[in-house]
C-alpha atoms as a PDB file:
ATOM      1  CA  MET A   1     137.440 111.060 168.782  1.00  0.00           C
ATOM      2  CA  ASN A   2     135.977 113.945 170.959  1.00  0.00           C
ATOM      3  CA  THR A   3     134.234 116.691 170.091  1.00  0.00           C
ATOM      4  CA  ARG A   4     137.329 118.937 170.683  1.00  0.00           C
ATOM      5  CA  SER A   5     139.655 116.642 168.222  1.00  0.00           C
ATOM      6  CA  ARG A   6     137.095 116.524 165.872  1.00  0.00           C
ATOM      7  CA  SER A   7     136.695 120.563 165.928  1.00  0.00           C
ATOM      8  CA  GLU A   8     140.425 120.837 165.409  1.00  0.00           C
ATOM      9  CA  LEU A   9     140.581 118.784 162.803  1.00  0.00           C
ATOM     10  CA  LEU A  10     137.710 120.005 160.654  1.00  0.00           C
ATOM     11  CA  THR A  11     139.401 124.053 161.510  1.00  0.00           C
ATOM     12  CA  ALA A  12     143.215 122.324 160.165  1.00  0.00           C
ATOM     13  CA  GLU A  13     141.144 121.006 157.225  1.00  0.00           C
ATOM     14  CA  GLU A  14     139.668 124.523 156.396  1.00  0.00           C
ATOM     15  CA  GLN A  15     142.505 125.943 156.987  1.00  0.00           C
ATOM     16  CA  VAL A  16     144.676 123.537 154.362  1.00  0.00           C
ATOM     17  CA  THR A  17     141.559 123.865 151.667  1.00  0.00           C
ATOM     18  CA  SER A  18     141.289 128.063 152.296  1.00  0.00           C
ATOM     19  CA  ILE A  19     145.537 128.163 151.442  1.00  0.00           C
ATOM     20  CA  VAL A  20     144.721 125.718 148.397  1.00  0.00           C
ATOM     21  CA  ARG A  21     142.001 127.891 146.864  1.00  0.00           C
ATOM     22  CA  THR A  22     144.268 131.332 147.771  1.00  0.00           C
ATOM     23  CA  LEU A  23     147.253 129.674 145.780  1.00  0.00           C
ATOM     24  CA  ALA A  24     144.749 128.572 143.251  1.00  0.00           C
ATOM     25  CA  ASP A  25     143.708 131.929 142.781  1.00  0.00           C
ATOM     26  CA  TYR A  26     147.301 133.679 142.649  1.00  0.00           C
ATOM     27  CA  ALA A  27     148.308 130.914 140.031  1.00  0.00           C
ATOM     28  CA  GLU A  28     144.999 132.167 138.056  1.00  0.00           C
ATOM     29  CA  MET A  29     146.060 135.921 138.157  1.00  0.00           C
ATOM     30  CA  THR A  30     149.108 134.523 136.176  1.00  0.00           C
ATOM     31  CA  LYS A  31     147.035 133.444 133.125  1.00  0.00           C
ATOM     32  CA  PRO A  32     149.057 130.309 132.704  1.00  0.00           C
ATOM     33  CA  ARG A  33     147.989 129.549 129.287  1.00  0.00           C
ATOM     34  CA  ILE A  34     149.161 132.977 128.238  1.00  0.00           C
ATOM     35  CA  VAL A  35     152.475 132.721 130.324  1.00  0.00           C
ATOM     36  CA  GLY A  36     152.349 128.995 128.580  1.00  0.00           C
ATOM     37  CA  LEU A  37     152.460 130.671 124.990  1.00  0.00           C
ATOM     38  CA  VAL A  38     155.174 133.176 126.456  1.00  0.00           C
ATOM     39  CA  GLY A  39     157.281 130.379 127.065  1.00  0.00           C
ATOM     40  CA  ILE A  40     157.036 128.207 123.923  1.00  0.00           C
ATOM     41  CA  ALA A  41     158.084 131.042 122.084  1.00  0.00           C
ATOM     42  CA  THR A  42     161.205 132.223 124.658  1.00  0.00           C
ATOM     43  CA  LEU A  43     161.999 128.436 123.826  1.00  0.00           C
ATOM     44  CA  GLY A  44     162.063 128.759 120.208  1.00  0.00           C
ATOM     45  CA  GLY A  45     163.821 132.108 119.960  1.00  0.00           C
ATOM     46  CA  PHE A  46     166.519 130.575 122.408  1.00  0.00           C
ATOM     47  CA  TYR A  47     167.110 127.651 120.171  1.00  0.00           C
ATOM     48  CA  LEU A  48     167.090 129.613 117.266  1.00  0.00           C
ATOM     49  CA  GLY A  49     169.555 132.075 118.676  1.00  0.00           C
ATOM     50  CA  SER A  50     172.117 129.761 120.048  1.00  0.00           C
ATOM     51  CA  VAL A  51     175.425 128.928 118.269  1.00  0.00           C
ATOM     52  CA  GLY A  52     176.471 125.386 119.021  1.00  0.00           C
ATOM     53  CA  PRO A  53     174.961 123.299 121.334  1.00  0.00           C
ATOM     54  CA  ILE A  54     171.966 124.151 123.691  1.00  0.00           C
ATOM     55  CA  ASP A  55     173.301 125.717 126.618  1.00  0.00           C
ATOM     56  CA  ILE A  56     170.711 124.271 128.539  1.00  0.00           C
ATOM     57  CA  PRO A  57     171.440 125.904 132.411  1.00  0.00           C
ATOM     58  CA  LEU A  58     171.133 129.479 130.315  1.00  0.00           C
ATOM     59  CA  LEU A  59     168.027 128.373 128.560  1.00  0.00           C
ATOM     60  CA  CYS A  60     166.640 127.371 132.136  1.00  0.00           C
ATOM     61  CA  HIS A  61     167.411 130.834 133.270  1.00  0.00           C
ATOM     62  CA  ALA A  62     165.782 132.711 130.480  1.00  0.00           C
ATOM     63  CA  LEU A  63     162.593 130.846 130.615  1.00  0.00           C
ATOM     64  CA  ILE A  64     162.232 131.575 134.458  1.00  0.00           C
ATOM     65  CA  GLY A  65     163.016 135.198 134.297  1.00  0.00           C
ATOM     66  CA  THR A  66     160.387 135.398 131.290  1.00  0.00           C
ATOM     67  CA  VAL A  67     157.934 133.336 133.341  1.00  0.00           C
ATOM     68  CA  LEU A  68     158.171 135.622 135.931  1.00  0.00           C
ATOM     69  CA  LEU A  69     157.909 138.623 134.060  1.00  0.00           C
ATOM     70  CA  GLY A  70     154.703 137.315 132.629  1.00  0.00           C
ATOM     71  CA  CYS A  71     152.959 136.228 135.563  1.00  0.00           C
ATOM     72  CA  GLY A  72     153.919 139.856 136.913  1.00  0.00           C
ATOM     73  CA  ALA A  73     152.558 141.403 133.830  1.00  0.00           C
ATOM     74  CA  ASN A  74     149.480 139.581 133.896  1.00  0.00           C
ATOM     75  CA  ALA A  75     148.920 139.903 137.570  1.00  0.00           C
ATOM     76  CA  LEU A  76     149.078 143.944 137.293  1.00  0.00           C
ATOM     77  CA  ASN A  77     147.157 143.880 134.416  1.00  0.00           C
ATOM     78  CA  MET A  78     144.356 142.060 136.243  1.00  0.00           C
ATOM     79  CA  TYR A  79     144.878 144.608 139.079  1.00  0.00           C
ATOM     80  CA  LEU A  80     144.385 147.720 136.475  1.00  0.00           C
ATOM     81  CA  GLU A  81     141.349 146.067 135.095  1.00  0.00           C
ATOM     82  CA  ARG A  82     139.718 144.690 138.523  1.00  0.00           C
ATOM     83  CA  HIS A  83     136.963 147.170 137.941  1.00  0.00           C
ATOM     84  CA  SER A  84     136.519 146.687 133.982  1.00  0.00           C
ATOM     85  CA  ASP A  85     136.447 142.973 134.973  1.00  0.00           C
ATOM     86  CA  ARG A  86     133.631 143.124 137.083  1.00  0.00           C
ATOM     87  CA  LEU A  87     131.529 144.263 134.092  1.00  0.00           C
ATOM     88  CA  MET A  88     132.394 141.165 132.014  1.00  0.00           C
ATOM     89  CA  ARG A  89     130.712 137.938 132.128  1.00  0.00           C
ATOM     90  CA  ARG A  90     133.778 136.006 131.130  1.00  0.00           C
ATOM     91  CA  THR A  91     135.898 137.799 133.920  1.00  0.00           C
ATOM     92  CA  GLU A  92     133.449 138.697 136.706  1.00  0.00           C
ATOM     93  CA  ASN A  93     134.625 135.276 138.939  1.00  0.00           C
ATOM     94  CA  ARG A  94     138.245 136.314 138.654  1.00  0.00           C
ATOM     95  CA  PRO A  95     140.205 136.641 141.770  1.00  0.00           C
ATOM     96  CA  LEU A  96     140.028 140.513 142.145  1.00  0.00           C
ATOM     97  CA  PRO A  97     136.047 141.030 140.859  1.00  0.00           C
ATOM     98  CA  ALA A  98     135.152 138.049 142.744  1.00  0.00           C
ATOM     99  CA  ASP A  99     136.871 139.374 146.077  1.00  0.00           C
ATOM    100  CA  ARG A 100     138.534 136.122 146.778  1.00  0.00           C
ATOM    101  CA  LEU A 101     142.085 138.321 146.871  1.00  0.00           C
ATOM    102  CA  LYS A 102     142.601 142.123 147.893  1.00  0.00           C
ATOM    103  CA  PRO A 103     143.650 144.801 145.597  1.00  0.00           C
ATOM    104  CA  ILE A 104     146.628 145.025 147.407  1.00  0.00           C
ATOM    105  CA  SER A 105     147.814 141.305 147.744  1.00  0.00           C
ATOM    106  CA  ALA A 106     147.766 141.388 143.509  1.00  0.00           C
ATOM    107  CA  PHE A 107     149.622 144.492 143.380  1.00  0.00           C
ATOM    108  CA  ARG A 108     152.492 143.027 145.561  1.00  0.00           C
ATOM    109  CA  PHE A 109     152.445 139.781 143.586  1.00  0.00           C
ATOM    110  CA  GLY A 110     152.434 141.385 140.475  1.00  0.00           C
ATOM    111  CA  MET A 111     155.175 143.949 141.215  1.00  0.00           C
ATOM    112  CA  VAL A 112     157.226 141.252 143.177  1.00  0.00           C
ATOM    113  CA  SER A 113     156.825 138.978 139.895  1.00  0.00           C
ATOM    114  CA  TRP A 114     158.040 141.855 137.592  1.00  0.00           C
ATOM    115  CA  LEU A 115     160.889 143.187 139.404  1.00  0.00           C
ATOM    116  CA  GLY A 116     161.981 139.464 140.038  1.00  0.00           C
ATOM    117  CA  GLY A 117     161.617 138.689 136.385  1.00  0.00           C
ATOM    118  CA  PHE A 118     163.916 141.497 135.415  1.00  0.00           C
ATOM    119  CA  ALA A 119     166.497 141.130 138.152  1.00  0.00           C
ATOM    120  CA  TYR A 120     166.797 137.094 137.389  1.00  0.00           C
ATOM    121  CA  LEU A 121     167.407 138.012 133.601  1.00  0.00           C
ATOM    122  CA  ALA A 122     169.736 140.620 134.330  1.00  0.00           C
ATOM    123  CA  LEU A 123     171.936 138.554 136.532  1.00  0.00           C
ATOM    124  CA  PHE A 124     171.627 135.362 134.905  1.00  0.00           C
ATOM    125  CA  THR A 125     171.284 136.446 131.120  1.00  0.00           C
ATOM    126  CA  ASN A 126     172.111 139.913 129.681  1.00  0.00           C
ATOM    127  CA  TRP A 127     171.207 143.299 130.301  1.00  0.00           C
ATOM    128  CA  VAL A 128     170.026 143.550 126.508  1.00  0.00           C
ATOM    129  CA  THR A 129     167.610 140.587 127.408  1.00  0.00           C
ATOM    130  CA  ALA A 130     166.512 142.081 130.618  1.00  0.00           C
ATOM    131  CA  PHE A 131     165.834 145.187 128.909  1.00  0.00           C
ATOM    132  CA  ILE A 132     163.557 143.562 126.691  1.00  0.00           C
ATOM    133  CA  GLY A 133     161.953 141.735 129.082  1.00  0.00           C
ATOM    134  CA  TRP A 134     161.115 145.120 131.197  1.00  0.00           C
ATOM    135  CA  SER A 135     160.249 146.606 128.057  1.00  0.00           C
ATOM    136  CA  THR A 136     157.313 144.267 127.353  1.00  0.00           C
ATOM    137  CA  VAL A 137     155.893 144.452 130.595  1.00  0.00           C
ATOM    138  CA  ILE A 138     155.903 148.853 130.609  1.00  0.00           C
ATOM    139  CA  LEU A 139     154.565 148.230 127.106  1.00  0.00           C
ATOM    140  CA  TYR A 140     151.559 146.119 127.841  1.00  0.00           C
ATOM    141  CA  LEU A 141     150.780 147.747 130.771  1.00  0.00           C
ATOM    142  CA  PHE A 142     151.154 151.403 130.173  1.00  0.00           C
ATOM    143  CA  ALA A 143     150.398 151.921 126.296  1.00  0.00           C
ATOM    144  CA  TYR A 144     148.167 148.808 125.688  1.00  0.00           C
ATOM    145  CA  THR A 145     145.921 148.288 128.867  1.00  0.00           C
ATOM    146  CA  PRO A 146     144.940 152.224 128.952  1.00  0.00           C
ATOM    147  CA  LEU A 147     144.428 152.625 125.412  1.00  0.00           C
ATOM    148  CA  LYS A 148     142.008 149.449 125.326  1.00  0.00           C
ATOM    149  CA  LYS A 149     139.233 152.389 126.357  1.00  0.00           C
ATOM    150  CA  LYS A 150     140.397 154.752 123.929  1.00  0.00           C
ATOM    151  CA  SER A 151     141.400 153.496 120.404  1.00  0.00           C
ATOM    152  CA  VAL A 152     140.641 150.316 118.093  1.00  0.00           C
ATOM    153  CA  LEU A 153     144.722 150.635 117.385  1.00  0.00           C
ATOM    154  CA  SER A 154     145.170 149.366 120.969  1.00  0.00           C
ATOM    155  CA  THR A 155     145.305 146.259 119.209  1.00  0.00           C
ATOM    156  CA  LEU A 156     148.208 146.951 117.108  1.00  0.00           C
ATOM    157  CA  VAL A 157     149.979 148.358 120.193  1.00  0.00           C
ATOM    158  CA  GLY A 158     149.414 145.402 122.084  1.00  0.00           C
ATOM    159  CA  ALA A 159     150.789 143.077 119.431  1.00  0.00           C
ATOM    160  CA  VAL A 160     154.028 144.754 119.909  1.00  0.00           C
ATOM    161  CA  PRO A 161     155.156 143.507 123.770  1.00  0.00           C
ATOM    162  CA  GLY A 162     153.259 140.090 122.511  1.00  0.00           C
ATOM    163  CA  ALA A 163     155.565 139.771 120.076  1.00  0.00           C
ATOM    164  CA  LEU A 164     158.704 140.460 122.129  1.00  0.00           C
ATOM    165  CA  PRO A 165     159.237 136.892 123.592  1.00  0.00           C
ATOM    166  CA  PRO A 166     161.071 135.414 120.962  1.00  0.00           C
ATOM    167  CA  LEU A 167     163.618 138.447 121.198  1.00  0.00           C
ATOM    168  CA  ILE A 168     164.153 137.443 124.594  1.00  0.00           C
ATOM    169  CA  GLY A 169     164.863 133.824 123.949  1.00  0.00           C
ATOM    170  CA  TRP A 170     166.988 135.237 121.175  1.00  0.00           C
ATOM    171  CA  THR A 171     169.116 137.613 123.033  1.00  0.00           C
ATOM    172  CA  ALA A 172     169.317 135.632 126.008  1.00  0.00           C
ATOM    173  CA  ALA A 173     171.057 132.955 123.645  1.00  0.00           C
ATOM    174  CA  GLY A 174     173.980 135.715 122.504  1.00  0.00           C
ATOM    175  CA  GLY A 175     171.947 136.206 119.435  1.00  0.00           C
ATOM    176  CA  GLY A 176     171.949 140.492 118.214  1.00  0.00           C
ATOM    177  CA  LEU A 177     169.191 142.202 117.141  1.00  0.00           C
ATOM    178  CA  ASN A 178     169.058 141.582 113.435  1.00  0.00           C
ATOM    179  CA  VAL A 179     167.171 140.447 110.203  1.00  0.00           C
ATOM    180  CA  GLN A 180     166.551 137.386 111.423  1.00  0.00           C
ATOM    181  CA  ALA A 181     165.179 138.546 115.176  1.00  0.00           C
ATOM    182  CA  LEU A 182     162.780 140.634 113.513  1.00  0.00           C
ATOM    183  CA  ALA A 183     161.586 137.754 111.403  1.00  0.00           C
ATOM    184  CA  LEU A 184     160.624 136.248 114.571  1.00  0.00           C
ATOM    185  CA  PHE A 185     159.328 139.222 115.968  1.00  0.00           C
ATOM    186  CA  SER A 186     157.390 139.569 112.801  1.00  0.00           C
ATOM    187  CA  ILE A 187     155.554 136.385 113.394  1.00  0.00           C
ATOM    188  CA  LEU A 188     153.995 136.970 116.555  1.00  0.00           C
ATOM    189  CA  PHE A 189     153.136 139.961 115.664  1.00  0.00           C
ATOM    190  CA  PHE A 190     150.927 139.328 112.829  1.00  0.00           C
ATOM    191  CA  TRP A 191     150.152 135.869 114.426  1.00  0.00           C
ATOM    192  CA  GLN A 192     148.456 137.952 117.278  1.00  0.00           C
ATOM    193  CA  LEU A 193     146.008 139.985 115.208  1.00  0.00           C
ATOM    194  CA  PRO A 194     143.822 137.506 113.337  1.00  0.00           C
ATOM    195  CA  HIS A 195     143.920 135.495 117.272  1.00  0.00           C
ATOM    196  CA  PHE A 196     142.629 138.320 118.995  1.00  0.00           C
ATOM    197  CA  MET A 197     140.323 139.465 116.351  1.00  0.00           C
ATOM    198  CA  ALA A 198     138.113 136.141 116.736  1.00  0.00           C
ATOM    199  CA  ILE A 199     138.611 136.819 120.827  1.00  0.00           C
ATOM    200  CA  ALA A 200     137.040 140.271 120.501  1.00  0.00           C
ATOM    201  CA  PHE A 201     134.061 138.770 118.356  1.00  0.00           C
ATOM    202  CA  MET A 202     133.622 136.506 120.701  1.00  0.00           C
ATOM    203  CA  TYR A 203     133.086 138.791 123.677  1.00  0.00           C
ATOM    204  CA  ARG A 204     132.334 142.293 122.206  1.00  0.00           C
ATOM    205  CA  GLU A 205     129.234 142.246 124.448  1.00  0.00           C
ATOM    206  CA  ASP A 206     131.215 142.093 127.088  1.00  0.00           C
ATOM    207  CA  TYR A 207     133.662 144.234 125.925  1.00  0.00           C
ATOM    208  CA  ALA A 208     131.108 146.732 125.069  1.00  0.00           C
ATOM    209  CA  ARG A 209     129.788 146.551 128.579  1.00  0.00           C
ATOM    210  CA  ALA A 210     133.339 147.223 130.209  1.00  0.00           C
ATOM    211  CA  GLY A 211     133.729 150.435 127.678  1.00  0.00           C
ATOM    212  CA  MET A 212     136.475 148.600 125.703  1.00  0.00           C
ATOM    213  CA  LYS A 213     137.471 149.771 121.953  1.00  0.00           C
ATOM    214  CA  ASN A 214     138.072 147.559 119.461  1.00  0.00           C
ATOM    215  CA  TRP A 215     136.908 146.222 116.024  1.00  0.00           C
ATOM    216  CA  ALA A 216     134.099 144.252 117.126  1.00  0.00           C
ATOM    217  CA  VAL A 217     132.785 146.611 119.415  1.00  0.00           C
ATOM    218  CA  ALA A 218     133.341 149.121 116.414  1.00  0.00           C
ATOM    219  CA  ASP A 219     131.513 147.127 113.944  1.00  0.00           C
ATOM    220  CA  SER A 220     127.923 145.534 115.011  1.00  0.00           C
ATOM    221  CA  ASP A 221     127.494 142.772 112.189  1.00  0.00           C
ATOM    222  CA  GLY A 222     131.379 141.599 112.692  1.00  0.00           C
ATOM    223  CA  TRP A 223     132.188 142.625 108.624  1.00  0.00           C
ATOM    224  CA  LEU A 224     134.980 144.905 109.819  1.00  0.00           C
ATOM    225  CA  CYS A 225     136.695 142.717 112.681  1.00  0.00           C
ATOM    226  CA  ALA A 226     136.799 139.508 110.256  1.00  0.00           C
ATOM    227  CA  ARG A 227     138.327 141.571 107.415  1.00  0.00           C
ATOM    228  CA  GLN A 228     140.909 142.582 109.801  1.00  0.00           C
ATOM    229  CA  ALA A 229     141.724 138.822 110.423  1.00  0.00           C
ATOM    230  CA  VAL A 230     141.663 137.838 106.778  1.00  0.00           C
ATOM    231  CA  LEU A 231     143.933 141.034 106.520  1.00  0.00           C
ATOM    232  CA  HIS A 232     146.378 140.190 108.611  1.00  0.00           C
ATOM    233  CA  THR A 233     146.381 136.496 108.115  1.00  0.00           C
ATOM    234  CA  LEU A 234     147.366 137.251 104.602  1.00  0.00           C
ATOM    235  CA  ILE A 235     150.358 139.364 106.009  1.00  0.00           C
ATOM    236  CA  LEU A 236     151.370 136.679 108.212  1.00  0.00           C
ATOM    237  CA  ILE A 237     151.694 133.966 105.733  1.00  0.00           C
ATOM    238  CA  PRO A 238     154.600 135.669 103.847  1.00  0.00           C
ATOM    239  CA  VAL A 239     155.978 136.740 106.893  1.00  0.00           C
ATOM    240  CA  THR A 240     156.073 132.963 108.201  1.00  0.00           C
ATOM    241  CA  VAL A 241     158.491 131.851 104.911  1.00  0.00           C
ATOM    242  CA  THR A 242     160.996 134.586 105.748  1.00  0.00           C
ATOM    243  CA  PRO A 243     163.124 132.426 108.322  1.00  0.00           C
ATOM    244  CA  THR A 244     163.412 129.994 105.137  1.00  0.00           C
ATOM    245  CA  LEU A 245     164.952 132.918 103.023  1.00  0.00           C
ATOM    246  CA  LEU A 246     166.993 134.288 105.788  1.00  0.00           C
ATOM    247  CA  GLY A 247     168.859 130.787 106.267  1.00  0.00           C
ATOM    248  CA  ILE A 248     166.781 130.272 109.680  1.00  0.00           C
ATOM    249  CA  ALA A 249     164.926 126.973 108.826  1.00  0.00           C
ATOM    250  CA  GLY A 250     164.847 124.742 105.919  1.00  0.00           C
ATOM    251  CA  ASN A 251     162.191 123.639 102.986  1.00  0.00           C
ATOM    252  CA  LEU A 252     160.249 121.153 105.270  1.00  0.00           C
ATOM    253  CA  TYR A 253     159.763 124.103 107.853  1.00  0.00           C
ATOM    254  CA  LEU A 254     158.604 126.137 104.439  1.00  0.00           C
ATOM    255  CA  VAL A 255     156.036 123.511 103.484  1.00  0.00           C
ATOM    256  CA  ILE A 256     154.601 123.559 106.915  1.00  0.00           C
ATOM    257  CA  ALA A 257     154.336 126.965 107.174  1.00  0.00           C
ATOM    258  CA  ILE A 258     152.999 127.736 103.913  1.00  0.00           C
ATOM    259  CA  VAL A 259     150.121 124.616 104.950  1.00  0.00           C
ATOM    260  CA  LEU A 260     149.424 126.208 108.375  1.00  0.00           C
ATOM    261  CA  GLY A 261     148.962 129.422 106.896  1.00  0.00           C
ATOM    262  CA  ILE A 262     146.753 128.295 104.364  1.00  0.00           C
ATOM    263  CA  GLY A 263     144.728 126.752 106.897  1.00  0.00           C
ATOM    264  CA  PHE A 264     144.790 130.030 109.040  1.00  0.00           C
ATOM    265  CA  LEU A 265     143.340 132.073 105.979  1.00  0.00           C
ATOM    266  CA  GLY A 266     140.745 129.503 105.566  1.00  0.00           C
ATOM    267  CA  PHE A 267     139.220 129.451 108.984  1.00  0.00           C
ATOM    268  CA  CYS A 268     139.632 133.673 108.611  1.00  0.00           C
ATOM    269  CA  LEU A 269     137.580 133.357 105.412  1.00  0.00           C
ATOM    270  CA  TRP A 270     134.998 131.150 106.793  1.00  0.00           C
ATOM    271  CA  PHE A 271     134.697 133.125 110.099  1.00  0.00           C
ATOM    272  CA  LEU A 272     134.133 136.145 106.902  1.00  0.00           C
ATOM    273  CA  ARG A 273     131.522 134.159 105.544  1.00  0.00           C
ATOM    274  CA  ASN A 274     129.550 133.337 108.671  1.00  0.00           C
ATOM    275  CA  ARG A 275     130.485 135.723 111.379  1.00  0.00           C
ATOM    276  CA  THR A 276     128.854 133.821 114.338  1.00  0.00           C
ATOM    277  CA  ALA A 277     130.675 133.646 117.590  1.00  0.00           C
ATOM    278  CA  TRP A 278     130.768 129.513 117.134  1.00  0.00           C
ATOM    279  CA  HIS A 279     133.049 130.223 113.852  1.00  0.00           C
ATOM    280  CA  ALA A 280     135.223 133.154 115.601  1.00  0.00           C
ATOM    281  CA  ARG A 281     135.767 130.320 118.098  1.00  0.00           C
ATOM    282  CA  GLN A 282     136.568 127.694 115.602  1.00  0.00           C
ATOM    283  CA  LEU A 283     139.193 130.259 114.323  1.00  0.00           C
ATOM    284  CA  PHE A 284     140.526 130.976 117.627  1.00  0.00           C
ATOM    285  CA  LEU A 285     141.395 127.248 118.645  1.00  0.00           C
ATOM    286  CA  TYR A 286     143.018 127.132 115.238  1.00  0.00           C
ATOM    287  CA  SER A 287     145.184 130.216 116.216  1.00  0.00           C
ATOM    288  CA  VAL A 288     146.181 128.069 119.344  1.00  0.00           C
ATOM    289  CA  VAL A 289     147.105 125.278 117.848  1.00  0.00           C
ATOM    290  CA  TYR A 290     149.066 127.422 114.801  1.00  0.00           C
ATOM    291  CA  LEU A 291     151.664 128.730 116.979  1.00  0.00           C
ATOM    292  CA  PRO A 292     153.241 126.264 119.055  1.00  0.00           C
ATOM    293  CA  VAL A 293     153.086 123.926 115.708  1.00  0.00           C
ATOM    294  CA  LEU A 294     154.808 126.291 113.648  1.00  0.00           C
ATOM    295  CA  PHE A 295     157.575 126.885 116.092  1.00  0.00           C
ATOM    296  CA  VAL A 296     157.833 123.160 116.900  1.00  0.00           C
ATOM    297  CA  PHE A 297     158.986 122.843 112.981  1.00  0.00           C
ATOM    298  CA  LEU A 298     160.860 126.120 112.829  1.00  0.00           C
ATOM    299  CA  MET A 299     162.960 124.272 115.790  1.00  0.00           C
ATOM    300  CA  ILE A 300     163.245 120.594 113.954  1.00  0.00           C
ATOM    301  CA  ASP A 301     164.348 122.168 110.669  1.00  0.00           C
ATOM    302  CA  SER A 302     166.530 124.856 111.869  1.00  0.00           C
ATOM    303  CA  LYS A 303     170.473 124.311 111.770  1.00  0.00           C
ATOM    304  CA  GLY A 304     170.227 121.000 110.243  1.00  0.00           C
ATOM    305  CA  VAL A 305     168.639 119.438 113.229  1.00  0.00           C
END
């Protein structure tokens, strides 16, 4: 192989490597793990909101639209918080603060995903579902994101859009916005609070450097943060019982929900007693496992399945 051929081959390899890296950066902008949890919540809502056999094509449409919305919301969140991300060790290597992507490229990607997800839900599901999806992104970007630097109440505000994905699935399947839908919303709402308290404590120094306001930053020894985790888990446990009380699920789910809830409370109390980053991480890991397991059993034990 002559020198020119080797040079052309290296150039082609470099171009492929550059494309792969760029695609990986765009994928990172979407926060895949968060989008995965959103997809599980949407799937659960669709399954529980369906009457009769599951409409697989409609379910796929609901998931595609919701994932697009989630990708857009997360990318735009990274765009809005790119300056703060530079100040935090856990986020300084993200594509924007690390200058691997241009802000305008990230903004365009986020907008196309967001608007594409909204249009997709409107075309292939229904307008109620599309409106809930639109509202989720609006609340996340223009209420929760700016409030993070102004008030510890941002956590409560942020839990609202985070709890809406089950309603997207529920309404896409034809379910109405009733008390059963509210029960699913409430489970996600109260689950997020101890989940985020663990994250906030783990990265409290980072959040302080970036000027973020949350319970962990406001409370140096972590007492208030851990107490909030315990308090909201105590609320979460009876909330997770409501699907059985409302006839959505049976007794198997009821037992699993109570057992999982007691475990959740145990991790919160352990965190309250010790208040170290390691204990906060154990609480965080448990919360990540807790939600999909709870929803899996909710679907398994629903409607005689």
